C-alpha atoms as a PDB file:
ATOM      1  CA  MET A   1     119.150 124.149  47.119  1.00  0.00           C
ATOM      2  CA  ASN A   2     119.422 124.178  50.738  1.00  0.00           C
ATOM      3  CA  LYS A   3     116.147 122.473  51.357  1.00  0.00           C
ATOM      4  CA  THR A   4     116.907 119.893  49.206  1.00  0.00           C
ATOM      5  CA  PHE A   5     120.199 119.390  51.287  1.00  0.00           C
ATOM      6  CA  LYS A   6     118.861 119.595  54.212  1.00  0.00           C
ATOM      7  CA  LEU A   7     116.102 116.957  52.858  1.00  0.00           C
ATOM      8  CA  LEU A   8     119.045 114.383  51.775  1.00  0.00           C
ATOM      9  CA  SER A   9     120.608 114.900  54.848  1.00  0.00           C
ATOM     10  CA  PHE A  10     117.826 114.128  57.516  1.00  0.00           C
ATOM     11  CA  LEU A  11     117.309 111.048  54.899  1.00  0.00           C
ATOM     12  CA  LEU A  12     121.058 110.092  54.925  1.00  0.00           C
ATOM     13  CA  VAL A  13     121.095 110.372  58.963  1.00  0.00           C
ATOM     14  CA  GLY A  14     117.855 108.520  59.298  1.00  0.00           C
ATOM     15  CA  THR A  15     118.620 105.531  57.208  1.00  0.00           C
ATOM     16  CA  LEU A  16     122.203 105.273  59.268  1.00  0.00           C
ATOM     17  CA  THR A  17     120.390 105.579  62.292  1.00  0.00           C
ATOM     18  CA  ILE A  18     118.034 102.706  61.494  1.00  0.00           C
ATOM     19  CA  ALA A  19     120.830 100.760  59.761  1.00  0.00           C
ATOM     20  CA  ALA A  20     122.801 101.073  63.136  1.00  0.00           C
ATOM     21  CA  ALA A  21     120.109 100.270  65.348  1.00  0.00           C
ATOM     22  CA  ASN A  22     119.273  97.193  63.079  1.00  0.00           C
ATOM     23  CA  PHE A  23     122.912  96.479  63.123  1.00  0.00           C
ATOM     24  CA  VAL A  24     122.894  95.872  67.255  1.00  0.00           C
ATOM     25  CA  ALA A  25     121.676  92.662  69.027  1.00  0.00           C
ATOM     26  CA  THR A  26     119.124  92.796  71.383  1.00  0.00           C
ATOM     27  CA  SER A  27     120.085  93.223  75.181  1.00  0.00           C
ATOM     28  CA  TRP A  28     118.852  90.747  77.744  1.00  0.00           C
ATOM     29  CA  THR A  29     118.843  90.676  81.320  1.00  0.00           C
ATOM     30  CA  ILE A  30     118.196  87.408  82.838  1.00  0.00           C
ATOM     31  CA  ASP A  31     115.194  86.569  85.513  1.00  0.00           C
ATOM     32  CA  LYS A  32     116.829  84.860  88.236  1.00  0.00           C
ATOM     33  CA  SER A  33     113.872  83.978  89.683  1.00  0.00           C
ATOM     34  CA  HIS A  34     112.531  81.893  86.880  1.00  0.00           C
ATOM     35  CA  SER A  35     115.941  80.697  85.852  1.00  0.00           C
ATOM     36  CA  ASN A  36     118.430  77.987  86.434  1.00  0.00           C
ATOM     37  CA  ILE A  37     121.582  76.360  86.099  1.00  0.00           C
ATOM     38  CA  ASP A  38     121.686  73.115  87.066  1.00  0.00           C
ATOM     39  CA  PHE A  39     123.896  70.284  86.494  1.00  0.00           C
ATOM     40  CA  GLU A  40     123.815  66.116  86.766  1.00  0.00           C
ATOM     41  CA  VAL A  41     126.709  63.339  87.453  1.00  0.00           C
ATOM     42  CA  ARG A  42     125.996  59.966  88.517  1.00  0.00           C
ATOM     43  CA  HIS A  43     127.276  58.754  91.897  1.00  0.00           C
ATOM     44  CA  PHE A  44     127.913  54.682  91.845  1.00  0.00           C
ATOM     45  CA  PHE A  45     124.732  53.972  89.727  1.00  0.00           C
ATOM     46  CA  THR A  46     122.717  56.758  90.378  1.00  0.00           C
ATOM     47  CA  PRO A  47     122.315  60.151  89.136  1.00  0.00           C
ATOM     48  CA  VAL A  48     122.834  62.657  91.317  1.00  0.00           C
ATOM     49  CA  ASN A  49     121.606  66.747  90.363  1.00  0.00           C
ATOM     50  CA  GLY A  50     123.011  70.136  91.698  1.00  0.00           C
ATOM     51  CA  THR A  51     122.458  73.746  90.589  1.00  0.00           C
ATOM     52  CA  PHE A  52     124.556  76.689  91.268  1.00  0.00           C
ATOM     53  CA  ASN A  53     122.786  80.167  92.894  1.00  0.00           C
ATOM     54  CA  ASP A  54     124.737  82.537  92.293  1.00  0.00           C
ATOM     55  CA  TYR A  55     125.909  83.925  88.374  1.00  0.00           C
ATOM     56  CA  THR A  56     125.600  86.958  86.101  1.00  0.00           C
ATOM     57  CA  ALA A  57     125.404  86.432  82.237  1.00  0.00           C
ATOM     58  CA  THR A  58     125.709  89.279  79.619  1.00  0.00           C
ATOM     59  CA  VAL A  59     122.962  88.031  76.663  1.00  0.00           C
ATOM     60  CA  ASN A  60     123.084  90.026  73.531  1.00  0.00           C
ATOM     61  CA  PHE A  61     121.133  88.076  71.346  1.00  0.00           C
ATOM     62  CA  ASP A  62     118.822  88.653  67.936  1.00  0.00           C
ATOM     63  CA  PRO A  63     118.217  85.604  65.897  1.00  0.00           C
ATOM     64  CA  GLU A  64     118.020  87.448  62.677  1.00  0.00           C
ATOM     65  CA  ASN A  65     121.369  89.213  63.494  1.00  0.00           C
ATOM     66  CA  LEU A  66     123.998  86.108  64.966  1.00  0.00           C
ATOM     67  CA  GLU A  67     126.995  88.418  63.923  1.00  0.00           C
ATOM     68  CA  GLU A  68     126.638  90.699  66.664  1.00  0.00           C
ATOM     69  CA  SER A  69     124.913  88.222  69.050  1.00  0.00           C
ATOM     70  CA  SER A  70     126.772  86.555  71.883  1.00  0.00           C
ATOM     71  CA  ILE A  71     126.484  85.214  75.533  1.00  0.00           C
ATOM     72  CA  ASP A  72     128.687  85.549  78.325  1.00  0.00           C
ATOM     73  CA  VAL A  73     128.129  83.528  81.685  1.00  0.00           C
ATOM     74  CA  GLU A  74     129.958  83.846  85.075  1.00  0.00           C
ATOM     75  CA  ILE A  75     129.140  81.273  87.734  1.00  0.00           C
ATOM     76  CA  MET A  76     130.619  81.272  91.553  1.00  0.00           C
ATOM     77  CA  VAL A  77     131.570  78.390  92.338  1.00  0.00           C
ATOM     78  CA  ASN A  78     130.764  78.674  95.959  1.00  0.00           C
ATOM     79  CA  SER A  79     127.333  78.631  95.435  1.00  0.00           C
ATOM     80  CA  ILE A  80     126.964  74.873  94.319  1.00  0.00           C
ATOM     81  CA  ASP A  81     124.338  73.323  95.990  1.00  0.00           C
ATOM     82  CA  THR A  82     123.506  69.884  96.044  1.00  0.00           C
ATOM     83  CA  ARG A  83     121.365  69.890  98.853  1.00  0.00           C
ATOM     84  CA  ASN A  84     123.756  68.262 100.946  1.00  0.00           C
ATOM     85  CA  GLU A  85     125.962  70.826 102.848  1.00  0.00           C
ATOM     86  CA  ARG A  86     128.790  68.190 103.567  1.00  0.00           C
ATOM     87  CA  ARG A  87     128.883  67.228  99.728  1.00  0.00           C
ATOM     88  CA  ASN A  88     128.842  70.970  98.738  1.00  0.00           C
ATOM     89  CA  GLY A  89     132.005  71.741 100.863  1.00  0.00           C
ATOM     90  CA  HIS A  90     134.190  68.671  99.538  1.00  0.00           C
ATOM     91  CA  LEU A  91     132.919  69.797  95.839  1.00  0.00           C
ATOM     92  CA  LYS A  92     134.577  73.494  96.727  1.00  0.00           C
ATOM     93  CA  THR A  93     137.921  71.952  98.093  1.00  0.00           C
ATOM     94  CA  ALA A  94     141.573  71.091  95.859  1.00  0.00           C
ATOM     95  CA  ASP A  95     139.893  67.426  95.420  1.00  0.00           C
ATOM     96  CA  PHE A  96     137.398  68.957  93.160  1.00  0.00           C
ATOM     97  CA  PHE A  97     136.705  73.102  92.260  1.00  0.00           C
ATOM     98  CA  ASN A  98     139.147  74.169  94.487  1.00  0.00           C
ATOM     99  CA  ALA A  99     136.868  77.399  95.007  1.00  0.00           C
ATOM    100  CA  GLU A 100     139.122  79.464  96.671  1.00  0.00           C
ATOM    101  CA  LYS A 101     142.303  79.573  94.088  1.00  0.00           C
ATOM    102  CA  TYR A 102     139.275  79.424  91.098  1.00  0.00           C
ATOM    103  CA  PRO A 103     135.932  81.051  92.026  1.00  0.00           C
ATOM    104  CA  LYS A 104     134.842  81.244  88.991  1.00  0.00           C
ATOM    105  CA  ILE A 105     133.414  79.130  86.065  1.00  0.00           C
ATOM    106  CA  THR A 106     133.117  80.812  82.624  1.00  0.00           C
ATOM    107  CA  PHE A 107     131.690  80.664  79.539  1.00  0.00           C
ATOM    108  CA  LYS A 108     132.442  83.358  76.513  1.00  0.00           C
ATOM    109  CA  SER A 109     130.738  82.705  72.871  1.00  0.00           C
ATOM    110  CA  SER A 110     133.019  83.528  69.932  1.00  0.00           C
ATOM    111  CA  MET A 111     130.295  82.806  67.387  1.00  0.00           C
ATOM    112  CA  ILE A 112     126.459  81.642  67.432  1.00  0.00           C
ATOM    113  CA  GLU A 113     125.341  79.732  64.596  1.00  0.00           C
ATOM    114  CA  SER A 114     121.347  78.959  63.418  1.00  0.00           C
ATOM    115  CA  LYS A 115     120.896  75.198  63.169  1.00  0.00           C
ATOM    116  CA  GLY A 116     117.277  75.719  61.880  1.00  0.00           C
ATOM    117  CA  ASP A 117     113.665  75.558  63.686  1.00  0.00           C
ATOM    118  CA  ASN A 118     114.776  78.063  66.667  1.00  0.00           C
ATOM    119  CA  LYS A 119     117.881  75.713  67.494  1.00  0.00           C
ATOM    120  CA  PHE A 120     121.327  77.717  67.644  1.00  0.00           C
ATOM    121  CA  VAL A 121     124.670  76.758  68.915  1.00  0.00           C
ATOM    122  CA  ALA A 122     127.089  79.203  71.108  1.00  0.00           C
ATOM    123  CA  HIS A 123     130.750  78.429  70.326  1.00  0.00           C
ATOM    124  CA  GLY A 124     133.291  79.580  72.892  1.00  0.00           C
ATOM    125  CA  ASP A 125     135.458  78.978  75.318  1.00  0.00           C
ATOM    126  CA  LEU A 126     134.311  77.319  78.767  1.00  0.00           C
ATOM    127  CA  THR A 127     136.982  77.772  81.794  1.00  0.00           C
ATOM    128  CA  ILE A 128     136.990  75.882  84.952  1.00  0.00           C
ATOM    129  CA  LYS A 129     139.618  76.146  87.378  1.00  0.00           C
ATOM    130  CA  ASP A 130     143.105  77.071  85.125  1.00  0.00           C
ATOM    131  CA  VAL A 131     141.859  75.002  82.112  1.00  0.00           C
ATOM    132  CA  THR A 132     140.091  76.582  78.991  1.00  0.00           C
ATOM    133  CA  LYS A 133     138.635  74.296  76.341  1.00  0.00           C
ATOM    134  CA  LYS A 134     136.585  75.475  72.981  1.00  0.00           C
ATOM    135  CA  ILE A 135     132.967  74.258  73.159  1.00  0.00           C
ATOM    136  CA  GLU A 136     130.010  73.930  71.609  1.00  0.00           C
ATOM    137  CA  MET A 137     126.620  74.914  73.695  1.00  0.00           C
ATOM    138  CA  PRO A 138     123.269  74.076  71.773  1.00  0.00           C
ATOM    139  CA  PHE A 139     120.195  75.974  72.876  1.00  0.00           C
ATOM    140  CA  THR A 140     116.909  76.535  71.881  1.00  0.00           C
ATOM    141  CA  LEU A 141     115.225  79.561  71.644  1.00  0.00           C
ATOM    142  CA  LEU A 142     111.149  78.847  73.174  1.00  0.00           C
ATOM    143  CA  GLY A 143     109.924  82.019  72.456  1.00  0.00           C
ATOM    144  CA  VAL A 144     109.837  85.756  72.300  1.00  0.00           C
ATOM    145  CA  MET A 145     106.528  88.006  73.212  1.00  0.00           C
ATOM    146  CA  ASP A 146     105.539  91.071  74.580  1.00  0.00           C
ATOM    147  CA  HIS A 147     106.070  91.359  78.199  1.00  0.00           C
ATOM    148  CA  PRO A 148     102.896  92.235  80.203  1.00  0.00           C
ATOM    149  CA  ARG A 149     104.733  95.150  81.885  1.00  0.00           C
ATOM    150  CA  GLY A 150     106.537  96.223  78.964  1.00  0.00           C
ATOM    151  CA  GLY A 151     109.563  95.562  76.556  1.00  0.00           C
ATOM    152  CA  LYS A 152     110.194  91.617  75.748  1.00  0.00           C
ATOM    153  CA  VAL A 153     110.588  88.477  77.291  1.00  0.00           C
ATOM    154  CA  ALA A 154     112.198  85.220  75.697  1.00  0.00           C
ATOM    155  CA  GLY A 155     113.458  82.151  77.001  1.00  0.00           C
ATOM    156  CA  ILE A 156     116.045  79.729  76.309  1.00  0.00           C
ATOM    157  CA  THR A 157     117.272  75.939  77.215  1.00  0.00           C
ATOM    158  CA  SER A 158     120.156  74.287  76.546  1.00  0.00           C
ATOM    159  CA  GLU A 159     121.855  70.798  77.726  1.00  0.00           C
ATOM    160  CA  PHE A 160     125.425  69.587  76.734  1.00  0.00           C
ATOM    161  CA  VAL A 161     128.009  67.413  78.450  1.00  0.00           C
ATOM    162  CA  ILE A 162     131.576  67.642  79.431  1.00  0.00           C
ATOM    163  CA  ASP A 163     134.138  65.905  81.223  1.00  0.00           C
ATOM    164  CA  ARG A 164     135.252  66.728  84.655  1.00  0.00           C
ATOM    165  CA  ASN A 165     138.662  65.447  84.149  1.00  0.00           C
ATOM    166  CA  ALA A 166     139.276  67.390  81.305  1.00  0.00           C
ATOM    167  CA  TYR A 167     138.979  70.335  83.583  1.00  0.00           C
ATOM    168  CA  GLY A 168     140.951  68.798  86.513  1.00  0.00           C
ATOM    169  CA  VAL A 169     137.719  68.620  88.723  1.00  0.00           C
ATOM    170  CA  GLY A 170     138.848  65.258  90.602  1.00  0.00           C
ATOM    171  CA  THR A 171     141.991  65.105  91.727  1.00  0.00           C
ATOM    172  CA  GLY A 172     144.063  62.077  93.393  1.00  0.00           C
ATOM    173  CA  ASP A 173     141.555  58.971  94.010  1.00  0.00           C
ATOM    174  CA  TRP A 174     138.653  61.329  92.496  1.00  0.00           C
ATOM    175  CA  VAL A 175     140.361  61.169  89.187  1.00  0.00           C
ATOM    176  CA  SER A 176     138.567  57.641  88.949  1.00  0.00           C
ATOM    177  CA  ASP A 177     134.971  57.682  87.549  1.00  0.00           C
ATOM    178  CA  THR A 178     134.289  54.544  89.846  1.00  0.00           C
ATOM    179  CA  VAL A 179     132.273  56.449  92.685  1.00  0.00           C
ATOM    180  CA  VAL A 180     131.762  60.009  90.793  1.00  0.00           C
ATOM    181  CA  GLY A 181     130.989  59.534  87.332  1.00  0.00           C
ATOM    182  CA  LYS A 182     132.994  61.711  84.489  1.00  0.00           C
ATOM    183  CA  GLU A 183     130.427  62.812  82.469  1.00  0.00           C
ATOM    184  CA  VAL A 184     128.699  66.127  83.649  1.00  0.00           C
ATOM    185  CA  THR A 185     125.381  67.155  82.156  1.00  0.00           C
ATOM    186  CA  ALA A 186     124.865  70.744  82.314  1.00  0.00           C
ATOM    187  CA  THR A 187     121.176  71.991  82.000  1.00  0.00           C
ATOM    188  CA  LEU A 188     120.299  75.995  81.663  1.00  0.00           C
ATOM    189  CA  ASN A 189     117.149  77.170  81.747  1.00  0.00           C
ATOM    190  CA  LEU A 190     116.788  81.191  81.338  1.00  0.00           C
ATOM    191  CA  GLU A 191     113.874  83.632  81.307  1.00  0.00           C
ATOM    192  CA  LEU A 192     115.422  86.492  79.496  1.00  0.00           C
ATOM    193  CA  ASN A 193     114.073  90.303  79.745  1.00  0.00           C
ATOM    194  CA  SER A 194     114.550  93.234  77.369  1.00  0.00           C
ATOM    195  CA  LYS A 195     113.811  96.935  77.571  1.00  0.00           C
END
């Protein structure tokens, strides 16, 4: 009787442990040396590119467990880099990002859905300055494989467009899109590692 009870207890605990393990999405860390958060915006007629060099992200993602998956990103505005120091400085002022008052751009997902063929959409809140709006961030899972040094490695890429004026990025004369376009294309290429 005791042996039967112990065996049943062991099986029950084992089943619950496996179920719990399967219920938690994989936690990933970003390999920043192989990742980038870039943007492109028109200046008069010509696209101008920039990047943010300082950011953090919490990525819990499993394509088989989207209910427990999430993506949270935090970008430091002062790390903006358009390969022009004068322009970088201007973008940090109250004319645009006002980095002193609003030092971070954040995205926090509320739901991730599959669109098939390794394509997904992260629904969530994007906050720039003091404005928060719901957006859809489409992304593609480029692949997952064993890392030669242990664990797993994965790649995701995302591209989406936001209206800078909707977030107050451009005040006074800079609201106009004559010089600086209002549509900004954001591109995220992230290499992820998991133990």
